[in-house]
């Protein structure tokens, strides 16, 4: 799947990875071939992996504060779901955050959760084949897996 095809499919989310919009995307994707579903999963994982960088992951949750007013850090899950929300927002937003880290900040808000995007390839595969898919992708999208994005975590 090309990046253009991936972003065209992502546009069906209308900028948000809600349960309903991700169901629509999974249904649309399920009407394509299994290699396309796999290609979508690969592009999605890579898009999330590329966002797995210290400059984004160390941003505080924008609408929460810790004790005594100090910044509230993102957990690994919150950071993953924020990255999902950025990808769901579309190509222009995804590309823009690399040039301006402040454009990532709104996606750290506690009500901004793109988790549903993670389940789209699995749901599409199940709709297309009737089988569960235990998939792995070339890129791991879990938080802190991009060693180039987290130079201080390198071992």
C-alpha atoms as a PDB file:
ATOM      1  CA  UNK A   1       0.000   0.000   0.000  1.00  0.00           C
ATOM      2  CA  UNK A   2       1.340   3.404  -0.923  1.00  0.00           C
ATOM      3  CA  UNK A   3       1.425   6.284   1.510  1.00  0.00           C
ATOM      4  CA  UNK A   4      -1.106   8.072  -0.710  1.00  0.00           C
ATOM      5  CA  UNK A   5      -3.502   5.115  -0.407  1.00  0.00           C
ATOM      6  CA  UNK A   6      -2.945   4.967   3.348  1.00  0.00           C
ATOM      7  CA  UNK A   7      -3.688   8.659   3.858  1.00  0.00           C
ATOM      8  CA  UNK A   8      -6.733   8.467   1.571  1.00  0.00           C
ATOM      9  CA  UNK A   9      -8.125   5.698   3.770  1.00  0.00           C
ATOM     10  CA  UNK A  10      -7.267   7.666   6.911  1.00  0.00           C
ATOM     11  CA  UNK A  11      -9.344  10.550   5.563  1.00  0.00           C
ATOM     12  CA  UNK A  12     -12.459   8.426   6.160  1.00  0.00           C
ATOM     13  CA  UNK A  13     -11.928   9.093   9.887  1.00  0.00           C
ATOM     14  CA  UNK A  14     -12.716  12.792   9.414  1.00  0.00           C
ATOM     15  CA  UNK A  15      -9.816  13.652  11.695  1.00  0.00           C
ATOM     16  CA  UNK A  16     -10.763  11.552  14.729  1.00  0.00           C
ATOM     17  CA  UNK A  17     -10.270   7.925  15.716  1.00  0.00           C
ATOM     18  CA  UNK A  18     -13.615   7.323  17.410  1.00  0.00           C
ATOM     19  CA  UNK A  19     -15.142   3.875  17.731  1.00  0.00           C
ATOM     20  CA  UNK A  20     -17.616   4.726  14.959  1.00  0.00           C
ATOM     21  CA  UNK A  21     -15.108   6.280  12.557  1.00  0.00           C
ATOM     22  CA  UNK A  22     -12.679   3.395  13.035  1.00  0.00           C
ATOM     23  CA  UNK A  23     -15.482   0.899  12.386  1.00  0.00           C
ATOM     24  CA  UNK A  24     -16.198   2.738   9.106  1.00  0.00           C
ATOM     25  CA  UNK A  25     -12.512   2.614   8.201  1.00  0.00           C
ATOM     26  CA  UNK A  26     -12.273  -1.105   9.037  1.00  0.00           C
ATOM     27  CA  UNK A  27     -15.323  -1.813   6.862  1.00  0.00           C
ATOM     28  CA  UNK A  28     -13.844   0.189   3.977  1.00  0.00           C
ATOM     29  CA  UNK A  29     -10.492  -1.550   4.360  1.00  0.00           C
ATOM     30  CA  UNK A  30     -12.140  -5.001   4.573  1.00  0.00           C
ATOM     31  CA  UNK A  31     -13.457  -4.549   1.023  1.00  0.00           C
ATOM     32  CA  UNK A  32      -9.869  -4.507  -0.199  1.00  0.00           C
ATOM     33  CA  UNK A  33      -7.458  -7.409  -0.603  1.00  0.00           C
ATOM     34  CA  UNK A  34      -5.674  -9.060   2.301  1.00  0.00           C
ATOM     35  CA  UNK A  35      -2.345  -7.654   1.036  1.00  0.00           C
ATOM     36  CA  UNK A  36      -3.915  -4.171   1.230  1.00  0.00           C
ATOM     37  CA  UNK A  37      -5.023  -4.821   4.808  1.00  0.00           C
ATOM     38  CA  UNK A  38      -1.491  -5.938   5.652  1.00  0.00           C
ATOM     39  CA  UNK A  39      -0.107  -2.893   3.837  1.00  0.00           C
ATOM     40  CA  UNK A  40      -2.387  -0.609   5.837  1.00  0.00           C
ATOM     41  CA  UNK A  41      -1.202  -2.212   9.088  1.00  0.00           C
ATOM     42  CA  UNK A  42       2.413  -1.688   8.027  1.00  0.00           C
ATOM     43  CA  UNK A  43       1.901   1.980   7.117  1.00  0.00           C
ATOM     44  CA  UNK A  44      -0.030   2.635  10.312  1.00  0.00           C
ATOM     45  CA  UNK A  45       2.692   1.023  12.436  1.00  0.00           C
ATOM     46  CA  UNK A  46       5.376   3.013  10.631  1.00  0.00           C
ATOM     47  CA  UNK A  47       3.487   6.300  11.019  1.00  0.00           C
ATOM     48  CA  UNK A  48       3.139   5.650  14.760  1.00  0.00           C
ATOM     49  CA  UNK A  49       6.771   4.530  15.043  1.00  0.00           C
ATOM     50  CA  UNK A  50       8.037   7.702  13.393  1.00  0.00           C
ATOM     51  CA  UNK A  51       6.164   9.755  16.008  1.00  0.00           C
ATOM     52  CA  UNK A  52       7.750   7.756  18.821  1.00  0.00           C
ATOM     53  CA  UNK A  53      10.256  10.456  19.714  1.00  0.00           C
ATOM     54  CA  UNK A  54      11.420  12.025  22.937  1.00  0.00           C
ATOM     55  CA  UNK A  55      10.402  15.511  21.804  1.00  0.00           C
ATOM     56  CA  UNK A  56       6.761  14.335  21.680  1.00  0.00           C
ATOM     57  CA  UNK A  57       6.769  11.784  24.485  1.00  0.00           C
ATOM     58  CA  UNK A  58       8.150  14.162  27.085  1.00  0.00           C
ATOM     59  CA  UNK A  59       5.428  16.751  26.503  1.00  0.00           C
ATOM     60  CA  UNK A  60       3.102  16.954  29.495  1.00  0.00           C
ATOM     61  CA  UNK A  61      -0.598  16.151  29.258  1.00  0.00           C
ATOM     62  CA  UNK A  62      -1.880  19.557  28.213  1.00  0.00           C
ATOM     63  CA  UNK A  63      -5.004  19.699  30.384  1.00  0.00           C
ATOM     64  CA  UNK A  64      -3.778  18.050  33.594  1.00  0.00           C
ATOM     65  CA  UNK A  65      -1.396  19.089  36.321  1.00  0.00           C
ATOM     66  CA  UNK A  66       0.257  17.035  39.004  1.00  0.00           C
ATOM     67  CA  UNK A  67       0.547  17.938  42.655  1.00  0.00           C
ATOM     68  CA  UNK A  68       1.536  21.532  43.322  1.00  0.00           C
ATOM     69  CA  UNK A  69       0.805  22.475  39.709  1.00  0.00           C
ATOM     70  CA  UNK A  70       3.725  20.650  38.149  1.00  0.00           C
ATOM     71  CA  UNK A  71       3.298  19.221  34.625  1.00  0.00           C
ATOM     72  CA  UNK A  72       1.537  15.863  34.380  1.00  0.00           C
ATOM     73  CA  UNK A  73       3.665  13.474  32.276  1.00  0.00           C
ATOM     74  CA  UNK A  74       2.283  11.225  29.559  1.00  0.00           C
ATOM     75  CA  UNK A  75       2.288   7.524  30.381  1.00  0.00           C
ATOM     76  CA  UNK A  76       3.397   5.041  27.726  1.00  0.00           C
ATOM     77  CA  UNK A  77      -0.252   4.321  26.859  1.00  0.00           C
ATOM     78  CA  UNK A  78      -1.279   7.980  26.792  1.00  0.00           C
ATOM     79  CA  UNK A  79       1.657   8.699  24.483  1.00  0.00           C
ATOM     80  CA  UNK A  80       0.658   5.853  22.154  1.00  0.00           C
ATOM     81  CA  UNK A  81      -2.959   7.027  22.041  1.00  0.00           C
ATOM     82  CA  UNK A  82      -1.838  10.621  21.417  1.00  0.00           C
ATOM     83  CA  UNK A  83       0.256   9.405  18.473  1.00  0.00           C
ATOM     84  CA  UNK A  84      -2.783   7.512  17.176  1.00  0.00           C
ATOM     85  CA  UNK A  85      -4.813  10.720  17.402  1.00  0.00           C
ATOM     86  CA  UNK A  86      -2.154  12.585  15.394  1.00  0.00           C
ATOM     87  CA  UNK A  87      -2.190   9.924  12.666  1.00  0.00           C
ATOM     88  CA  UNK A  88      -6.007   9.917  12.649  1.00  0.00           C
ATOM     89  CA  UNK A  89      -5.971  13.691  12.204  1.00  0.00           C
ATOM     90  CA  UNK A  90      -4.478  13.115   8.757  1.00  0.00           C
ATOM     91  CA  UNK A  91      -1.390  13.567   6.672  1.00  0.00           C
ATOM     92  CA  UNK A  92      -1.123  17.349   7.010  1.00  0.00           C
ATOM     93  CA  UNK A  93      -1.246  17.226  10.818  1.00  0.00           C
ATOM     94  CA  UNK A  94       1.088  14.213  10.980  1.00  0.00           C
ATOM     95  CA  UNK A  95       3.669  15.935   8.790  1.00  0.00           C
ATOM     96  CA  UNK A  96       3.343  19.288  10.570  1.00  0.00           C
ATOM     97  CA  UNK A  97       4.269  17.997  14.035  1.00  0.00           C
ATOM     98  CA  UNK A  98       7.741  17.019  12.842  1.00  0.00           C
ATOM     99  CA  UNK A  99       8.422  20.672  12.019  1.00  0.00           C
ATOM    100  CA  UNK A 100       6.673  22.179  15.043  1.00  0.00           C
ATOM    101  CA  UNK A 101       6.499  20.098  18.224  1.00  0.00           C
ATOM    102  CA  UNK A 102       3.864  22.469  19.630  1.00  0.00           C
ATOM    103  CA  UNK A 103       1.421  21.111  17.045  1.00  0.00           C
ATOM    104  CA  UNK A 104       1.578  17.747  18.846  1.00  0.00           C
ATOM    105  CA  UNK A 105       0.577  19.307  22.179  1.00  0.00           C
ATOM    106  CA  UNK A 106      -3.239  19.378  21.661  1.00  0.00           C
ATOM    107  CA  UNK A 107      -3.201  15.621  21.050  1.00  0.00           C
ATOM    108  CA  UNK A 108      -1.887  15.010  24.584  1.00  0.00           C
ATOM    109  CA  UNK A 109      -5.182  16.266  26.064  1.00  0.00           C
ATOM    110  CA  UNK A 110      -6.911  13.770  28.330  1.00  0.00           C
ATOM    111  CA  UNK A 111     -10.018  13.668  26.118  1.00  0.00           C
ATOM    112  CA  UNK A 112      -7.949  13.119  22.960  1.00  0.00           C
ATOM    113  CA  UNK A 113      -7.642   9.356  22.607  1.00  0.00           C
ATOM    114  CA  UNK A 114      -6.934   7.619  19.313  1.00  0.00           C
ATOM    115  CA  UNK A 115      -6.742   4.084  20.712  1.00  0.00           C
ATOM    116  CA  UNK A 116      -9.460   2.769  18.372  1.00  0.00           C
ATOM    117  CA  UNK A 117      -7.075   3.232  15.433  1.00  0.00           C
ATOM    118  CA  UNK A 118      -4.931   0.371  16.739  1.00  0.00           C
ATOM    119  CA  UNK A 119      -7.733  -2.136  16.132  1.00  0.00           C
ATOM    120  CA  UNK A 120      -8.601  -1.189  12.553  1.00  0.00           C
ATOM    121  CA  UNK A 121      -6.315  -3.681  10.738  1.00  0.00           C
ATOM    122  CA  UNK A 122      -7.413  -6.573  12.971  1.00  0.00           C
ATOM    123  CA  UNK A 123     -11.101  -5.736  12.515  1.00  0.00           C
ATOM    124  CA  UNK A 124     -10.697  -5.312   8.744  1.00  0.00           C
ATOM    125  CA  UNK A 125      -8.945  -8.664   8.471  1.00  0.00           C
ATOM    126  CA  UNK A 126     -11.634 -10.373  10.516  1.00  0.00           C
ATOM    127  CA  UNK A 127     -14.392  -8.805   8.398  1.00  0.00           C
ATOM    128  CA  UNK A 128     -12.595  -9.832   5.190  1.00  0.00           C
ATOM    129  CA  UNK A 129     -11.667 -13.399   6.135  1.00  0.00           C
ATOM    130  CA  UNK A 130     -13.817 -14.388   9.098  1.00  0.00           C
ATOM    131  CA  UNK A 131     -10.645 -15.244  10.974  1.00  0.00           C
ATOM    132  CA  UNK A 132      -8.676 -13.537  13.719  1.00  0.00           C
ATOM    133  CA  UNK A 133      -5.321 -12.200  12.686  1.00  0.00           C
ATOM    134  CA  UNK A 134      -2.389 -12.312  15.030  1.00  0.00           C
ATOM    135  CA  UNK A 135      -0.282  -9.861  13.136  1.00  0.00           C
ATOM    136  CA  UNK A 136       3.117  -8.392  13.586  1.00  0.00           C
ATOM    137  CA  UNK A 137       4.471  -5.469  11.630  1.00  0.00           C
ATOM    138  CA  UNK A 138       7.947  -4.446  10.644  1.00  0.00           C
ATOM    139  CA  UNK A 139       7.784  -1.434  12.961  1.00  0.00           C
ATOM    140  CA  UNK A 140       6.830  -1.730  16.596  1.00  0.00           C
ATOM    141  CA  UNK A 141       4.491   1.120  17.515  1.00  0.00           C
ATOM    142  CA  UNK A 142       4.721   0.647  21.286  1.00  0.00           C
ATOM    143  CA  UNK A 143       5.998   3.708  23.115  1.00  0.00           C
ATOM    144  CA  UNK A 144       9.781   4.020  23.410  1.00  0.00           C
ATOM    145  CA  UNK A 145      10.495   1.363  20.763  1.00  0.00           C
ATOM    146  CA  UNK A 146      12.040   3.848  18.303  1.00  0.00           C
ATOM    147  CA  UNK A 147      15.605   3.935  19.614  1.00  0.00           C
ATOM    148  CA  UNK A 148      16.552   6.715  17.189  1.00  0.00           C
ATOM    149  CA  UNK A 149      13.744   8.833  18.624  1.00  0.00           C
ATOM    150  CA  UNK A 150      14.886   8.228  22.205  1.00  0.00           C
ATOM    151  CA  UNK A 151      18.680   8.587  22.132  1.00  0.00           C
ATOM    152  CA  UNK A 152      18.960   8.577  25.928  1.00  0.00           C
ATOM    153  CA  UNK A 153      17.289   5.152  26.086  1.00  0.00           C
ATOM    154  CA  UNK A 154      19.828   3.474  23.809  1.00  0.00           C
ATOM    155  CA  UNK A 155      21.650   0.626  25.450  1.00  0.00           C
END
